[in-house]
Amino acid sequence: MEDEQVAKSREKLIATIKYEFANADEVLAKAFELVGQNINPLKMEDGVIRFPIIPVRRDEGLHVRKHTTSQIPYIHSHTFYELIFVNKGKCIQLIDDKKVILNQGDLCILSPQIEHAIMPSTEKDIIIKIVIPIDVFNHINVNAHFDEPITMIRDVSTETEYLLFKILKESFASDDYVNATIENYLALLFVELVRSKNIDSIFLEKITQYIYANMEDATLDNLAKSLGYNKSYLSRIINQKTNKSFSELLTEIRMQRASQMIFENKCIDDIAQAVGYKNTSGLYKQFKKYYGMTPNEFKQLL
C-alpha cells in the first residue's frame, strides 16, 4: 500500500529513490533520458528488472526485516553488508547472473558492491535479511574471517539459529539498547559461524566434492574408501556434522544440481541421468518430495 501511494506521486517517487539509493541522481538522470526517447528504462528478463545503471542501495543503519512476497526482483548492489538466512522454505537469488538457491537452514553474507536480485518469497517461506553497515561489520568482524565477497554456509548449527532468533526478537524492542544488543548478538553469531566453518569446512568439502564427481553412483562404501575411513564411523561423523545421513546429503546435493540444470533449460532425461536416476519417474518422485513441486512446476517459478 505504501508503494502504491508513492507511485502515484512523482515527487514522492523521486524523494523515495533519492532516500534509498546512493547513486539516485545518476539513476534518475538515465531514467529521464530514456523516457524522453520513448524507451522503457526497466528492461525485464526472466522476471528480473535490469536497469542500465545498477542501483546502489544506501546504508539504512543496522536493521532486520523479513523478505516480502510482493517485491519485484531487480539487480542491485549495496553500500552495506547483507546477511540472508532461510528460516523456512527456500530463497532463490541471482548473484552475478548465476542462480543460487538457499534452502532451509542456509545462510549467506553478501559484501558491498555485490550485484544480486532476490526472487519474491512464497507464503511458505520465511527469509530473514539483516542489513549491517560497514562500520558495524568491521567492528564485530574483528579477526576478518568473512572478507570474501560472498560467504555461503549450509545448514547452520542450532546455536546459530538461536542467535538469529535472539537478533530477530531484539529488533522488535523499542528502548535505547536495541542496536547495541543486536551488535553484540551479531558478534557472537560471527564467532559461532567461524567455529563451525573452520572445523567442518574441509571435511564437508571433501564429501561434497566426492558426491559431485560421482553423483550417478555415489555410495557411502566408496566414499569411506576414498577418505580412508571405516564406513560405520564415517556415517556417524556425517550425521554429527550435518544432522543428515549420507543418503539424505546425497539426495540434497542431487536435488540442488537438478534445480540448477532446470534453470539451465537442460532436458529432463539428461538431468535424471546426470544426478543418478535411472529414469525420469524416479527424479520426479524425489524432486516432488524434496521441493513440494514437480520439475515442471519449479521451472514455471523461474
Protein backbone atom coordinates (compact mmCIF):
# COMPACT_ATOMS: atom_id res chain seq x y z
CA MET A 1 0.00 0.00 0.00
CA GLU A 2 2.88 2.36 0.78
CA ASP A 3 4.48 1.58 -2.58
CA GLU A 4 1.21 2.28 -4.38
CA GLN A 5 0.90 5.68 -2.69
CA VAL A 6 4.48 6.58 -3.58
CA ALA A 7 3.98 5.52 -7.21
CA LYS A 8 1.01 7.90 -7.59
CA SER A 9 3.14 10.95 -6.86
CA ARG A 10 6.14 11.95 -8.99
CA GLU A 11 7.57 14.00 -6.13
CA LYS A 12 7.20 11.18 -3.58
CA LEU A 13 8.68 8.68 -6.02
CA ILE A 14 11.75 10.81 -6.68
CA ALA A 15 12.16 11.52 -2.97
CA THR A 16 11.96 7.80 -2.15
CA ILE A 17 14.54 6.93 -4.81
CA LYS A 18 16.92 9.61 -3.51
CA TYR A 19 16.47 8.33 0.04
CA GLU A 20 17.02 4.64 -0.75
CA PHE A 21 19.80 4.75 -3.37
CA ALA A 22 23.30 6.18 -3.04
CA ASN A 23 23.56 6.81 -6.80
CA ALA A 24 20.00 8.13 -7.14
CA ASP A 25 20.93 11.23 -9.16
CA GLU A 26 22.73 9.12 -11.77
CA VAL A 27 19.89 6.58 -11.91
CA LEU A 28 17.21 9.27 -12.26
CA ALA A 29 19.16 11.16 -14.94
CA LYS A 30 19.43 7.98 -17.03
CA ALA A 31 15.75 7.16 -16.47
CA PHE A 32 14.62 10.62 -17.63
CA GLU A 33 16.95 10.41 -20.65
CA LEU A 34 15.49 7.08 -21.79
CA VAL A 35 11.89 8.08 -21.11
CA GLY A 36 12.48 11.23 -23.16
CA GLN A 37 13.49 8.95 -26.04
CA ASN A 38 10.33 6.85 -25.54
CA ILE A 39 12.47 3.96 -24.25
CA ASN A 40 11.40 1.95 -21.22
CA PRO A 41 14.37 2.12 -18.80
CA LEU A 42 13.20 -1.01 -16.96
CA LYS A 43 14.35 -4.00 -19.01
CA MET A 44 12.92 -7.25 -17.64
CA GLU A 45 14.47 -10.65 -18.35
CA ASP A 46 13.31 -13.88 -16.67
CA GLY A 47 11.13 -11.83 -14.33
CA VAL A 48 14.09 -9.72 -13.12
CA ILE A 49 14.44 -5.98 -13.78
CA ARG A 50 17.78 -4.86 -15.16
CA PHE A 51 18.35 -1.10 -15.23
CA PRO A 52 21.13 0.37 -17.44
CA ILE A 53 22.81 1.71 -14.30
CA ILE A 54 22.92 -0.68 -11.34
CA PRO A 55 21.09 0.98 -8.41
CA VAL A 56 23.13 1.01 -5.19
CA ARG A 57 21.02 0.71 -2.05
CA ARG A 58 22.05 3.19 0.63
CA ASP A 59 23.16 2.31 4.17
CA GLU A 60 19.92 2.40 6.18
CA GLY A 61 21.52 1.61 9.54
CA LEU A 62 21.50 -1.71 11.34
CA HIS A 63 18.10 -3.39 10.99
CA VAL A 64 16.33 -6.70 10.48
CA ARG A 65 13.47 -7.44 8.11
CA LYS A 66 11.55 -10.32 6.53
CA HIS A 67 11.76 -10.67 2.76
CA THR A 68 8.40 -9.98 1.13
CA THR A 69 6.20 -11.86 -1.33
CA SER A 70 5.42 -8.71 -3.33
CA GLN A 71 8.76 -7.11 -4.21
CA ILE A 72 9.63 -7.26 -7.91
CA PRO A 73 13.22 -8.59 -8.15
CA TYR A 74 15.78 -6.22 -9.63
CA ILE A 75 19.55 -6.30 -10.00
CA HIS A 76 21.14 -4.01 -7.42
CA SER A 77 24.09 -3.69 -5.06
CA HIS A 78 24.59 -2.17 -1.58
CA THR A 79 26.74 0.20 0.42
CA PHE A 80 26.38 -2.27 3.32
CA TYR A 81 26.75 -5.96 4.14
CA GLU A 82 23.63 -8.10 3.93
CA LEU A 83 23.10 -11.33 5.85
CA ILE A 84 20.34 -13.58 4.47
CA PHE A 85 19.02 -16.56 6.43
CA VAL A 86 16.35 -19.03 5.35
CA ASN A 87 14.35 -20.00 8.43
CA LYS A 88 11.81 -21.92 6.39
CA GLY A 89 11.36 -22.86 2.72
CA LYS A 90 13.94 -21.57 0.26
CA CYS A 91 15.44 -18.38 -1.16
CA ILE A 92 16.30 -18.04 -4.85
CA GLN A 93 18.82 -15.38 -5.85
CA LEU A 94 20.67 -14.23 -8.93
CA ILE A 95 24.25 -13.36 -7.98
CA ASP A 96 26.46 -12.15 -10.82
CA ASP A 97 23.79 -13.62 -13.15
CA LYS A 98 24.17 -17.07 -11.59
CA LYS A 99 21.28 -18.76 -9.84
CA VAL A 100 21.90 -19.52 -6.16
CA ILE A 101 19.41 -21.48 -4.04
CA LEU A 102 19.42 -21.27 -0.26
CA ASN A 103 17.41 -23.98 1.46
CA GLN A 104 16.03 -24.08 4.99
CA GLY A 105 18.86 -23.57 7.47
CA ASP A 106 21.22 -21.97 4.93
CA LEU A 107 22.82 -18.55 5.34
CA CYS A 108 24.84 -16.19 3.17
CA ILE A 109 26.66 -12.91 3.72
CA LEU A 110 26.95 -10.52 0.76
CA SER A 111 29.62 -7.83 0.73
CA PRO A 112 29.03 -4.27 -0.54
CA GLN A 113 29.02 -3.87 -4.34
CA ILE A 114 27.91 -7.48 -4.97
CA GLU A 115 25.24 -7.35 -7.68
CA HIS A 116 22.24 -9.58 -7.00
CA ALA A 117 18.47 -9.92 -7.05
CA ILE A 118 16.26 -11.89 -4.67
CA MET A 119 13.19 -13.58 -6.08
CA PRO A 120 9.93 -12.93 -4.17
CA SER A 121 9.28 -15.37 -1.36
CA THR A 122 6.17 -17.53 -1.22
CA GLU A 123 3.75 -17.71 1.69
CA LYS A 124 5.60 -20.86 2.82
CA ASP A 125 8.99 -19.13 3.01
CA ILE A 126 10.48 -17.24 5.94
CA ILE A 127 13.58 -15.36 4.76
CA ILE A 128 15.31 -13.05 7.22
CA LYS A 129 17.56 -10.22 5.96
CA ILE A 130 19.92 -8.28 8.23
CA VAL A 131 21.41 -5.01 6.95
CA ILE A 132 24.85 -4.48 8.54
CA PRO A 133 26.54 -1.09 7.92
CA ILE A 134 30.24 -1.30 7.02
CA ASP A 135 31.41 0.31 10.28
CA VAL A 136 29.33 -2.12 12.35
CA PHE A 137 30.58 -5.08 10.28
CA ASN A 138 34.21 -4.04 10.72
CA HIS A 139 33.65 -3.64 14.46
CA ILE A 140 32.14 -7.09 15.03
CA ASN A 141 34.28 -8.87 12.41
CA VAL A 142 37.43 -8.31 14.46
CA ASN A 143 39.50 -11.12 13.02
CA ALA A 144 38.37 -10.54 9.42
CA HIS A 145 37.10 -14.09 8.90
CA PHE A 146 34.37 -13.01 6.47
CA ASP A 147 36.25 -10.94 3.92
CA GLU A 148 35.13 -13.00 0.91
CA PRO A 149 32.69 -11.20 -1.44
CA ILE A 150 30.14 -13.96 -0.80
CA THR A 151 30.11 -16.28 2.21
CA MET A 152 27.81 -19.31 1.97
CA ILE A 153 27.13 -21.53 4.97
CA ARG A 154 24.85 -24.51 4.52
CA ASP A 155 22.69 -25.93 7.30
CA VAL A 156 23.80 -23.71 10.18
CA SER A 157 24.16 -25.02 13.73
CA THR A 158 21.44 -24.93 16.40
CA GLU A 159 23.48 -22.27 18.24
CA THR A 160 23.50 -20.08 15.12
CA GLU A 161 19.72 -20.41 14.72
CA TYR A 162 19.27 -19.46 18.39
CA LEU A 163 21.38 -16.29 17.98
CA LEU A 164 19.47 -15.35 14.83
CA PHE A 165 16.21 -15.79 16.75
CA LYS A 166 17.53 -13.51 19.52
CA ILE A 167 18.50 -10.88 16.92
CA LEU A 168 15.05 -11.07 15.32
CA LYS A 169 13.32 -10.80 18.70
CA GLU A 170 15.51 -7.87 19.74
CA SER A 171 14.66 -5.98 16.53
CA PHE A 172 11.10 -5.55 17.86
CA ALA A 173 12.28 -3.85 21.07
CA SER A 174 11.92 -0.08 21.35
CA ASP A 175 14.41 1.01 24.02
CA ASP A 176 17.79 2.70 23.64
CA TYR A 177 19.75 -0.56 23.79
CA VAL A 178 18.41 -2.25 20.65
CA ASN A 179 21.33 -1.55 18.30
CA ALA A 180 24.00 -2.29 20.91
CA THR A 181 22.30 -5.57 21.82
CA ILE A 182 21.95 -6.64 18.18
CA GLU A 183 25.62 -5.78 17.53
CA ASN A 184 26.68 -8.00 20.44
CA TYR A 185 24.50 -10.86 19.24
CA LEU A 186 25.96 -10.44 15.74
CA ALA A 187 29.49 -10.62 17.18
CA LEU A 188 28.59 -13.89 18.92
CA LEU A 189 26.93 -15.10 15.71
CA PHE A 190 30.11 -14.45 13.70
CA VAL A 191 32.20 -16.35 16.24
CA GLU A 192 29.81 -19.32 16.02
CA LEU A 193 29.93 -19.22 12.22
CA VAL A 194 33.74 -19.10 12.21
CA ARG A 195 33.99 -22.04 14.62
CA SER A 196 31.65 -24.25 12.63
CA LYS A 197 33.18 -23.14 9.33
CA ASN A 198 36.77 -23.85 10.39
CA ILE A 199 36.02 -27.24 11.97
CA ASP A 200 33.72 -28.64 9.33
CA SER A 201 34.51 -26.92 6.05
CA ILE A 202 37.43 -29.12 4.91
CA PHE A 203 35.68 -32.35 5.90
CA LEU A 204 32.38 -31.40 4.29
CA GLU A 205 34.11 -30.03 1.20
CA LYS A 206 35.75 -33.42 0.59
CA ILE A 207 32.39 -35.18 0.90
CA THR A 208 30.69 -32.66 -1.38
CA GLN A 209 33.48 -32.94 -3.97
CA TYR A 210 33.14 -36.74 -3.97
CA ILE A 211 29.35 -36.60 -4.44
CA TYR A 212 29.55 -34.06 -7.27
CA ALA A 213 32.25 -36.11 -9.02
CA ASN A 214 30.36 -39.40 -8.57
CA MET A 215 26.75 -38.26 -8.48
CA GLU A 216 25.49 -41.05 -10.72
CA ASP A 217 26.72 -43.87 -8.48
CA ALA A 218 27.93 -42.32 -5.21
CA THR A 219 27.83 -44.68 -2.21
CA LEU A 220 28.87 -44.48 1.44
CA ASP A 221 31.14 -47.51 0.89
CA ASN A 222 33.11 -45.84 -1.88
CA LEU A 223 33.27 -42.53 -0.03
CA ALA A 224 34.67 -44.27 3.06
CA LYS A 225 37.33 -45.99 0.92
CA SER A 226 38.31 -42.74 -0.82
CA LEU A 227 38.71 -40.91 2.52
CA GLY A 228 40.28 -43.84 4.35
CA TYR A 229 37.53 -44.11 6.97
CA ASN A 230 35.62 -47.02 8.41
CA LYS A 231 32.12 -46.98 6.88
CA SER A 232 30.22 -47.01 10.20
CA TYR A 233 32.48 -44.35 11.73
CA LEU A 234 32.13 -42.10 8.68
CA SER A 235 28.35 -42.48 8.80
CA ARG A 236 28.30 -41.29 12.43
CA ILE A 237 30.62 -38.34 11.69
CA ILE A 238 28.49 -37.19 8.75
CA ASN A 239 25.39 -37.32 10.93
CA GLN A 240 27.10 -35.36 13.72
CA LYS A 241 28.40 -32.65 11.38
CA THR A 242 25.34 -32.23 9.16
CA ASN A 243 22.39 -33.72 11.12
CA LYS A 244 21.80 -35.79 7.98
CA SER A 245 22.52 -39.33 6.89
CA PHE A 246 24.75 -39.90 3.85
CA SER A 247 21.69 -40.76 1.73
CA GLU A 248 19.93 -37.55 2.83
CA LEU A 249 23.03 -35.50 2.00
CA LEU A 250 23.32 -37.24 -1.37
CA THR A 251 19.66 -36.50 -2.13
CA GLU A 252 20.06 -32.85 -1.12
CA ILE A 253 23.03 -32.34 -3.45
CA ARG A 254 21.29 -34.22 -6.26
CA MET A 255 18.20 -32.01 -5.92
CA GLN A 256 20.30 -28.84 -5.85
CA ARG A 257 22.10 -29.94 -9.01
CA ALA A 258 18.79 -30.91 -10.65
CA SER A 259 17.30 -27.47 -9.89
CA GLN A 260 20.39 -25.78 -11.37
CA MET A 261 20.10 -27.85 -14.55
CA ILE A 262 16.38 -26.97 -14.82
CA PHE A 263 17.40 -23.31 -14.63
CA GLU A 264 19.87 -24.01 -17.46
CA ASN A 265 16.98 -25.46 -19.56
CA LYS A 266 18.51 -28.93 -19.70
CA CYS A 267 16.40 -31.85 -20.92
CA ILE A 268 14.68 -33.71 -18.06
CA ASP A 269 16.07 -37.05 -19.31
CA ASP A 270 19.60 -35.67 -19.24
CA ILE A 271 19.03 -34.22 -15.76
CA ALA A 272 17.78 -37.56 -14.39
CA GLN A 273 20.83 -39.39 -15.74
CA ALA A 274 23.28 -36.71 -14.61
CA VAL A 275 22.10 -36.74 -10.99
CA GLY A 276 21.90 -40.51 -10.66
CA TYR A 277 18.35 -41.64 -11.50
CA LYS A 278 17.72 -44.49 -13.93
CA ASN A 279 14.55 -42.86 -15.25
CA THR A 280 12.64 -39.58 -15.06
CA SER A 281 9.93 -41.02 -12.80
CA GLY A 282 12.49 -41.54 -10.05
CA LEU A 283 13.66 -37.94 -10.40
CA TYR A 284 10.06 -36.60 -10.47
CA LYS A 285 9.15 -38.52 -7.32
CA GLN A 286 12.19 -37.35 -5.33
CA PHE A 287 12.00 -33.76 -6.65
CA LYS A 288 8.33 -33.54 -5.64
CA LYS A 289 9.15 -34.90 -2.18
CA TYR A 290 12.10 -32.50 -1.70
CA TYR A 291 10.73 -29.25 -3.15
CA GLY A 292 6.99 -29.87 -2.83
CA MET A 293 6.52 -29.45 -6.59
CA THR A 294 7.36 -31.17 -9.85
CA PRO A 295 10.32 -30.10 -12.02
CA ASN A 296 7.84 -28.50 -14.48
CA GLU A 297 6.14 -26.54 -11.70
CA PHE A 298 9.56 -25.48 -10.40
CA LYS A 299 10.56 -24.24 -13.87
CA GLN A 300 7.44 -22.07 -14.07
CA LEU A 301 8.61 -20.17 -10.97
CA LEU A 302 11.86 -19.12 -12.66
